[in-house]
Amino acid sequence: MGTFLFYLFKSTLCLTVLYFVFRLCFRGDTLFRTNRFLLLGGTLGCLLLPLVQVDVAQGGLWQKPMAAVEALLLEPSQDDVGLQESARPEAVEASLRADMASVPLADEGHPFRWESFLLCLYAGGAALALGFFLLSARRVRQLLRRCPSREYGGFRLVVCPQKNVSFSWGRTIVLSQDDYNRRCTEVLLHERMHLQYRHTFDLLWMEALIVIHWFNPVAWLLMRELREVHEFEADNGVLSHGIDATQYQLLLVKKSVGTRLYSMASGFGHSKLKQRINMMLKKRTNPAARLKLLLFVPVVSGTLYAFARPEVKNAVEQMVKPQVSEQLQDTACQDEYELLEQYFARKFKDGGGAVASAPGETTHALLVNCLNQVMIDQEGTPTDCADFIRKHLTDALRQDYQQAKQSGQPFRSDLQIQYDRGASAEAMRLYLYTVKDVYSQLRCEVAAELGTADEAALDKVFPILVTFAQPHKFKKTDPLQALPIELTLLSSNGASKALKQVSLKELRKEVEAFQAGRSDMTVSLKVDADVPMGVVTDVKEVLRAAYNKPLTLRYTVNPGLSVEKVKE
């Protein structure tokens, strides 16, 4: 729900930019055909542009307002809240215990969802806008059925006794009896221009835009601008057929006192009189003015950049950066990889997963090799792109869910993750974060389909069954080999000890000596970004074996930066 509201927000910004650029740079031109297609193509682009996903290496000032709005509208799910709660200092005890116990979540109930209220309000407004359009269409249809008609020059001509109702729609021209008797040539030619230029299709598109953006005044202003361009284009077509400009302008003055009875149609008096006459008298714009369309290149680029998101990699780095402080218990945070493992273990339990696959249960495999390349179900070419996981895993799980729903069977798709010991720790955290994001997005779709956000219900309908296989390939780390890591052992009583380039054997001795007589310990682990997962796994095993009391691991992956530098 929040995703749709955020889409409406972004498309509203795009429409606003389009309107002001058109008003400032194009509105006074006599290139009516160009202006018409600019408005049509621009409004279509404004609806599609927010759907384009662009990633930037690092978030900037332009992205901050959008990120703030997105955070407000896309309220995190209870799963996300659980993961965030697990990262708080008071919830990180026993992060490296051998049993990987998960942090329980409190049942906070279901508070009022204001975004649901906004969506209901939006749906009501859209239905009302659609209702007005259908009512106008019904009135036109009733009028056409009441009045006699005949074919005229490839169009359908309807003459009705009502006054001030001359308009065109589709391939039909409606003239009042007064216009037919007194001003048939000019009015009929004007309406024929509307039909010849197919303005009806433009109006249908703008009516659809109004239904979607009924709350947005810019959408209504853009429709008004397009109607005026239609009138300018039709007037220009009339004058190009040899009609005397002075007599035609005098006719406009006489007809300007009419009322608009059929808002969905193109009418003879639908635009402001003064602007129409000024456009007839204005000097023709040089066709080279079309080059002003190039202004939209930086406008679109800037909009895409404002909508861009920092790469997931950077987002993960921000989540795992430690906040260094003298008060260790307030600043220590768990390894993001550990938190994700705990998250999947908890959701596996909540979903009723079993160690062995149940009959009829679909199993997918996500493999990561020593080059950080990933494959799903051993299909395709290995790649190191997280978007590959996002696309292929989403398609596979969505297809499994649809098949299970059609067959009447419960959805039970298991994902087994296996990595080489040579895969980097940074890549594995990124991939696990992407897997979690895929499940979160799909569960949001299921929640919208079921009309519920209850986590217990979602765990039954769309469980997150993710398991980890033992790492394969590459032998164990040599216990005597110096490791490319830096560790700092910290205690709440102020004691600390820094370790660099130590072996696993030396690490075990140092930890056992440091923990003697202490009730707690925090380990700040700093590694290069490309450190193998095998090294990280072996270090954790040593820490678990050497220290069996509550232990906190603080993890930093920024290469070449000290802890103090990370803090800055």
Foldseek 3Di string as FASTA:
>chain_A
DLVVVLLLVQLLVQLVVLLVCCVVQPLPALPLVLSLVSLVVSNVCSNCLLVDAAADQDDDPLQVVSVVSSCVSCPDAVLVVLLVVCFFLVNVWPLLAPVLAFGDDDCPDDDDDVVVVVVVVLLVLLVVLVVVQVVLVVVVVVVQVVFDWDDDPNAIETEDQDPLAFFDAARYTYHYPVCCVPVVPLSVQLRVQLNVVVCLVVLVVLSVVCSNPVVRVSSVVSSLSSLVSSNLSSVVSSVVVPDDLVVSLVVLVVSLVGDHPRVSTNHNNSHDSVVSNCSVVDDHDDPVSSVCVCVVVVVSVVSNSSSYHHDLLVVLQVVQQWQDDLQCSRTFTFDLVSSLVSSLVVLQVLLVHDPDDDPPEAEKEWEAELVCFIDINPDDDTDNDLVVCLPPVLVVLVVQLVVCVVVVHAHHYAYEYEYAQNFFPSSVSSNSVSLVVSLVVVLVVVCVVVVHSDPSVSSHRPGSHYYYDYYDDDDADDQQFFDQKKKKKAASVGDIDIDHRGGLVVVLVVLLVVCVPGQEIEMEMEHERSHGNSVVVSNSVSNCVSDVHTYTYRYHHHPPDDSVRSND
